[in-house]
Every structure is written in C-alpha cells, then in structure tokens.
Amino acid sequence: MGELRVDQPAPGVRRLTIDRPEVRNAISLPLQRELDRVLASVAGDDTVRSVIVAGAGPVAFSAGYDLAELAEWTTDEVADAAAERDELIWRFVTFPKPVVAAVHGAAHGAGTILAACADIRVGGPHTRFTVTAARYGGANLTWLLDELIGAGLTRDLLMTSRTIDGDEAHRIGLLSRLADDGDVEAAALRAAIELAGQPPEALREIKALLLAGPGRSLRSRYDRENEIARTLLRPRPISDVFADFFDRDRARAETTSTP
C-alpha cells in the first residue's frame, strides 16, 4: 500500500489520507509528489466535487516535512527539493475545487501550511497547530495566514512558534469548524458533502476571486466579481435558478387552497 490512501466516502467526495502514522504523517517528497499527481487527476474529474485531506491514525494530521529524509540529502538536494515544494504548495492552494482539511491531531510546520491552504479546516479538542519555521531561522505562511486570522495574531504565531489547541484555533479563525465531540473525520465529511452539493462552477470562481483579492482595491474586486457573474457564471432564467422555491411555493398554495 502506498503512503497516500485515496477513497470516496460519499458521492462527489474524494478523500486523500496521508498514511504514514509511524512518523506522525511526516511529508516525504515522494508523498508530496503523489498528492500533487492525484489532485491533478481529480481536477479534471467532473464526478469529484470536493476533496478531503486527512492524516492516518489518532495522533497527527502531519508533523511536517520528513526530517529523516532531509538529513540524508546534500545542501544542493535540499535546495532543489525546497524549490520543487514551493511549486507543489502553490498548485495545492490554487487547486480549483474546494478542499477540506481534517485536522484531527498535531499539525506542525508543513502540516500547518497544508491545512492553511485548504478552504475549510475542521478540527477538534485534540487539534494542535504550530508554525515552526522561526525556531530554525526561517519563515512560513507570511503570505497567507494574516488573511485567515489577522495581522496581529499572525505575528504572534509566526514569531513565537507557539502551539495553539483546537479551541483557540477555532476562536481566532484558523479552524473553520470545531467538532466538539472529537469526531473530526465525520465533521470534515459533512463539510465536504455540503460543498459537493453546490454548483461546482460557482465554487471554482469564488475560490479564484478570493485568492486574487488581496492587494487589489475594493472597487476592482467588486467589478471583477460582477464581470465573472455576468460572463463565466452567466445567469440562468430565474425560474430555473429558484425552481425548488417555486415548487415549494406551489405545493403550499395547493395545500392551503380551499375547494
């Protein structure tokens, strides 16, 4: 069995599980390449409407990059891998379909990066986030985290590398949803099913608009949304868009009408 398990837990939902629990789901370069390959395939599969990324076992979503692997490489190999990983992460964050991260345990370093790049992050009481780069003289997530939790909290987490639990992560917005009962997998699946039930073209454009937004003026973002709505998301007849509403309205009228 490979290090990335792929299954379909519900119609329209593809789940990708990092399956290296013996090393707390540390991300090797071959595994990251496989994740990229599977996502590229999923992007072109119209039967897949949403994706879940999870980690195997009860302990960790992902402890980050595989340090044992890195220790075996030369300085040049480490640099080459870092450049490749930069592109792999960028393709992940710009993946056109909605992604749910099921963060059931520890997410350190690259594990936190992977979760932050998802559209919806689901966690529970045992979730732990740490952005570790500052401890090693580096920097991670300066380009994204402030959009999720604000500038002040981003400086706190990135500069101190402190660990936060699921409750705090939910309170500050790093977790989108908190599974109070601890069943993160079930809560993530519910979120993915919700996403799979939405019109895929709308979610694709919403995601693209949000990613392209930072740094642009409010008016330019407003105009771009309207342009997309009138072209790529060309409106259908109102009777089609709100067919369910009109059907319910007619049913109520028939039920309440007197003979």
Protein backbone atom coordinates (compact mmCIF):
# COMPACT_ATOMS: atom_id res chain seq x y z
CA MET A 1 0.00 0.00 0.00
CA GLY A 2 1.26 3.49 -0.83
CA GLU A 3 1.72 6.42 1.52
CA LEU A 4 -1.37 8.23 0.20
CA ARG A 5 -4.71 6.44 0.55
CA VAL A 6 -7.47 7.56 -1.79
CA ASP A 7 -11.14 6.72 -1.27
CA GLN A 8 -14.63 8.04 -1.91
CA PRO A 9 -16.53 8.34 1.39
CA ALA A 10 -19.59 9.95 -0.23
CA PRO A 11 -20.83 10.74 -3.75
CA GLY A 12 -18.78 13.57 -5.23
CA VAL A 13 -16.21 13.50 -2.39
CA ARG A 14 -12.64 12.24 -2.75
CA ARG A 15 -10.61 11.71 0.43
CA LEU A 16 -6.80 11.74 0.38
CA THR A 17 -5.21 10.37 3.55
CA ILE A 18 -1.53 10.76 4.36
CA ASP A 19 -0.78 7.24 5.54
CA ARG A 20 2.49 7.39 7.49
CA PRO A 21 1.31 7.20 11.10
CA GLU A 22 4.59 5.62 12.22
CA VAL A 23 6.30 9.01 11.56
CA ARG A 24 3.29 11.14 12.53
CA ASN A 25 2.37 11.50 8.86
CA ALA A 26 5.54 13.41 8.01
CA ILE A 27 5.50 14.51 4.38
CA SER A 28 8.21 12.95 2.24
CA LEU A 29 8.92 14.41 -1.19
CA PRO A 30 7.59 11.30 -3.00
CA LEU A 31 4.37 11.56 -0.98
CA GLN A 32 4.00 15.25 -1.80
CA ARG A 33 4.52 14.49 -5.48
CA GLU A 34 1.86 11.77 -5.29
CA LEU A 35 -0.56 14.19 -3.62
CA ASP A 36 0.07 16.64 -6.46
CA ARG A 37 -0.44 13.92 -9.08
CA VAL A 38 -3.73 12.75 -7.57
CA LEU A 39 -5.04 16.31 -7.27
CA ALA A 40 -4.17 16.99 -10.92
CA SER A 41 -6.22 13.94 -11.87
CA VAL A 42 -9.10 14.97 -9.59
CA ALA A 43 -9.12 18.48 -11.07
CA GLY A 44 -10.20 17.04 -14.41
CA ASP A 45 -12.74 14.59 -12.99
CA ASP A 46 -16.23 16.11 -13.10
CA THR A 47 -17.58 13.42 -10.77
CA VAL A 48 -15.44 14.81 -7.94
CA ARG A 49 -16.92 17.97 -6.42
CA SER A 50 -14.87 18.33 -3.22
CA VAL A 51 -11.74 16.90 -1.60
CA ILE A 52 -10.80 15.98 1.97
CA VAL A 53 -7.16 15.87 3.04
CA ALA A 54 -6.55 13.93 6.27
CA GLY A 55 -3.83 12.13 8.20
CA ALA A 56 -3.91 8.48 9.27
CA GLY A 57 -4.08 7.49 12.93
CA PRO A 58 -5.18 9.39 16.03
CA VAL A 59 -2.01 11.38 16.74
CA ALA A 60 -1.26 13.77 13.89
CA PHE A 61 -2.61 15.38 10.77
CA SER A 62 1.03 15.87 9.76
CA ALA A 63 4.19 16.60 11.73
CA GLY A 64 5.64 18.47 8.74
CA TYR A 65 8.35 17.55 6.28
CA ASP A 66 10.22 14.30 6.83
CA LEU A 67 13.38 15.32 8.71
CA ALA A 68 14.97 11.88 8.30
CA GLU A 69 14.69 12.27 4.54
CA LEU A 70 16.11 15.80 4.64
CA ALA A 71 19.06 14.67 6.76
CA GLU A 72 20.20 12.29 4.01
CA TRP A 73 20.38 14.99 1.32
CA THR A 74 23.21 17.29 0.33
CA THR A 75 22.78 21.06 0.62
CA ASP A 76 22.08 21.27 -3.12
CA GLU A 77 19.48 18.49 -2.93
CA VAL A 78 17.73 20.26 -0.06
CA ALA A 79 17.66 23.49 -2.09
CA ASP A 80 16.29 21.70 -5.16
CA ALA A 81 13.61 19.99 -3.08
CA ALA A 82 12.61 23.30 -1.48
CA ALA A 83 12.17 24.91 -4.91
CA GLU A 84 10.07 21.98 -6.08
CA ARG A 85 7.98 22.04 -2.93
CA ASP A 86 7.30 25.75 -3.41
CA GLU A 87 5.56 24.91 -6.69
CA LEU A 88 3.74 21.90 -5.25
CA ILE A 89 2.31 24.05 -2.42
CA TRP A 90 1.28 26.75 -4.89
CA ARG A 91 -0.59 24.22 -7.02
CA PHE A 92 -2.29 22.94 -3.86
CA VAL A 93 -3.51 26.36 -2.68
CA THR A 94 -4.76 27.22 -6.19
CA PHE A 95 -6.40 23.81 -6.78
CA PRO A 96 -9.73 24.74 -8.44
CA LYS A 97 -12.04 22.57 -6.33
CA PRO A 98 -12.93 23.06 -2.66
CA VAL A 99 -10.64 21.33 -0.16
CA VAL A 100 -11.43 20.38 3.45
CA ALA A 101 -8.57 19.67 5.85
CA ALA A 102 -9.50 17.19 8.59
CA VAL A 103 -7.00 18.28 11.27
CA HIS A 104 -7.66 15.69 13.96
CA GLY A 105 -4.30 15.92 15.76
CA ALA A 106 -0.99 17.75 15.56
CA ALA A 107 -0.18 19.92 12.56
CA HIS A 108 3.40 21.17 12.63
CA GLY A 109 5.39 23.06 10.00
CA ALA A 110 4.36 21.85 6.56
CA GLY A 111 1.34 20.18 8.15
CA THR A 112 0.08 23.60 9.21
CA ILE A 113 0.90 25.01 5.77
CA LEU A 114 -1.12 22.25 4.10
CA ALA A 115 -4.08 22.86 6.42
CA ALA A 116 -3.93 26.63 5.99
CA CYS A 117 -4.05 26.22 2.21
CA ALA A 118 -7.34 24.31 2.43
CA ASP A 119 -10.64 26.14 2.01
CA ILE A 120 -12.23 24.74 5.17
CA ARG A 121 -10.29 23.46 8.18
CA VAL A 122 -12.07 21.14 10.61
CA GLY A 123 -10.57 20.22 13.98
CA GLY A 124 -11.42 19.12 17.49
CA PRO A 125 -10.27 19.24 21.10
CA HIS A 126 -7.05 17.35 20.26
CA THR A 127 -6.05 19.54 17.32
CA ARG A 128 -2.71 21.33 17.71
CA PHE A 129 -1.20 23.88 15.32
CA THR A 130 2.41 25.06 15.30
CA VAL A 131 4.21 27.11 12.65
CA THR A 132 7.76 26.07 13.45
CA ALA A 133 9.87 27.96 10.89
CA ALA A 134 11.05 30.77 13.20
CA ARG A 135 12.63 28.20 15.53
CA TYR A 136 15.01 27.25 12.72
CA GLY A 137 15.66 30.74 11.37
CA GLY A 138 13.04 30.52 8.61
CA ALA A 139 9.66 31.97 7.68
CA ASN A 140 6.41 30.30 6.62
CA LEU A 141 2.86 31.43 5.86
CA THR A 142 3.61 35.18 5.92
CA TRP A 143 1.78 35.34 2.58
CA LEU A 144 -1.47 33.69 3.73
CA LEU A 145 -2.01 33.42 7.47
CA ASP A 146 -2.88 37.10 8.02
CA GLU A 147 -5.78 36.69 5.58
CA LEU A 148 -7.15 33.94 7.82
CA ILE A 149 -6.59 35.28 11.34
CA GLY A 150 -5.46 38.92 11.03
CA ALA A 151 -2.09 40.63 11.18
CA GLY A 152 -1.66 40.79 14.96
CA LEU A 153 -2.33 37.13 15.65
CA THR A 154 -0.21 36.15 12.66
CA ARG A 155 2.80 37.99 14.10
CA ASP A 156 2.22 36.21 17.41
CA LEU A 157 2.04 32.70 15.95
CA LEU A 158 4.81 33.10 13.37
CA MET A 159 7.31 34.91 15.59
CA THR A 160 6.87 32.79 18.72
CA SER A 161 6.20 29.41 17.05
CA ARG A 162 3.89 28.69 19.96
CA THR A 163 1.41 25.81 19.78
CA ILE A 164 -2.32 26.51 19.91
CA ASP A 165 -5.05 23.99 20.60
CA GLY A 166 -8.30 23.42 18.73
CA ASP A 167 -10.37 25.77 20.87
CA GLU A 168 -8.02 28.70 20.33
CA ALA A 169 -7.58 27.87 16.65
CA HIS A 170 -11.35 27.97 16.20
CA ARG A 171 -11.71 31.17 18.21
CA ILE A 172 -9.17 33.04 16.07
CA GLY A 173 -10.37 31.62 12.75
CA LEU A 174 -7.61 29.16 11.91
CA LEU A 175 -10.16 26.37 12.26
CA SER A 176 -13.35 26.95 10.29
CA ARG A 177 -15.31 24.35 12.26
CA LEU A 178 -14.79 22.67 15.62
CA ALA A 179 -16.08 19.15 16.25
CA ASP A 180 -16.90 19.35 19.95
CA ASP A 181 -17.47 15.59 20.09
CA GLY A 182 -13.98 14.98 18.75
CA ASP A 183 -15.18 13.22 15.59
CA VAL A 184 -13.20 15.39 13.18
CA GLU A 185 -13.47 12.87 10.35
CA ALA A 186 -17.28 12.92 10.45
CA ALA A 187 -17.40 16.72 10.69
CA ALA A 188 -15.00 17.06 7.75
CA LEU A 189 -17.12 14.68 5.70
CA ARG A 190 -20.24 16.72 6.45
CA ALA A 191 -18.46 19.84 5.24
CA ALA A 192 -17.25 18.10 2.08
CA ILE A 193 -20.76 16.81 1.33
CA GLU A 194 -22.12 20.35 1.71
CA LEU A 195 -19.53 21.60 -0.76
CA ALA A 196 -20.21 18.75 -3.18
CA GLY A 197 -23.86 19.79 -3.27
CA GLN A 198 -23.06 23.30 -4.51
CA PRO A 199 -22.75 24.29 -8.19
CA PRO A 200 -19.08 23.49 -8.95
CA GLU A 201 -18.56 26.38 -11.36
CA ALA A 202 -19.65 28.86 -8.67
CA LEU A 203 -17.26 27.41 -6.08
CA ARG A 204 -14.42 27.43 -8.60
CA GLU A 205 -14.89 31.12 -9.32
CA ILE A 206 -15.47 32.08 -5.69
CA LYS A 207 -12.16 30.43 -4.80
CA ALA A 208 -10.34 32.14 -7.66
CA LEU A 209 -11.80 35.54 -6.78
CA LEU A 210 -10.78 35.21 -3.13
CA LEU A 211 -7.25 34.12 -4.00
CA ALA A 212 -6.81 37.04 -6.40
CA GLY A 213 -8.28 39.59 -3.99
CA PRO A 214 -5.54 40.64 -1.56
CA GLY A 215 -3.69 43.77 -2.66
CA ARG A 216 -6.38 44.89 -5.09
CA SER A 217 -8.69 47.81 -4.45
CA LEU A 218 -12.19 47.17 -3.15
CA ARG A 219 -13.66 48.59 -6.38
CA SER A 220 -11.54 46.37 -8.60
CA ARG A 221 -12.59 43.30 -6.59
CA TYR A 222 -16.23 44.37 -6.82
CA ASP A 223 -16.00 44.91 -10.58
CA ARG A 224 -14.22 41.61 -11.12
CA GLU A 225 -16.91 39.69 -9.24
CA ASN A 226 -19.62 41.34 -11.33
CA GLU A 227 -17.71 40.57 -14.53
CA ILE A 228 -17.40 36.90 -13.58
CA ALA A 229 -21.07 36.71 -12.59
CA ARG A 230 -22.16 38.07 -15.96
CA THR A 231 -19.82 36.03 -18.14
CA LEU A 232 -18.40 32.79 -16.76
CA LEU A 233 -21.35 32.40 -14.40
CA ARG A 234 -23.89 33.63 -16.92
CA PRO A 235 -27.25 33.81 -15.12
CA ARG A 236 -29.83 31.16 -15.89
CA PRO A 237 -33.54 32.00 -16.05
CA ILE A 238 -34.93 32.86 -12.62
CA SER A 239 -37.45 30.04 -12.94
CA ASP A 240 -34.54 27.56 -13.23
CA VAL A 241 -32.36 29.06 -10.51
CA PHE A 242 -35.17 29.10 -7.96
CA ALA A 243 -37.06 26.04 -9.20
CA ASP A 244 -37.08 24.43 -5.74
CA PHE A 245 -38.51 27.59 -4.18
CA PHE A 246 -41.26 27.90 -6.78
CA ASP A 247 -42.09 24.19 -6.43
CA ARG A 248 -42.43 24.53 -2.64
CA ASP A 249 -44.47 27.72 -3.07
CA ARG A 250 -46.87 25.96 -5.44
CA ALA A 251 -47.14 22.97 -3.12
CA ARG A 252 -48.02 25.24 -0.18
CA ALA A 253 -50.60 27.08 -2.27
CA GLU A 254 -52.21 23.78 -3.28
CA THR A 255 -52.23 22.55 0.32
CA THR A 256 -53.82 25.69 1.74
CA SER A 257 -56.29 26.36 -1.07
CA THR A 258 -59.92 25.64 -0.31
CA PRO A 259 -62.11 23.57 -2.67
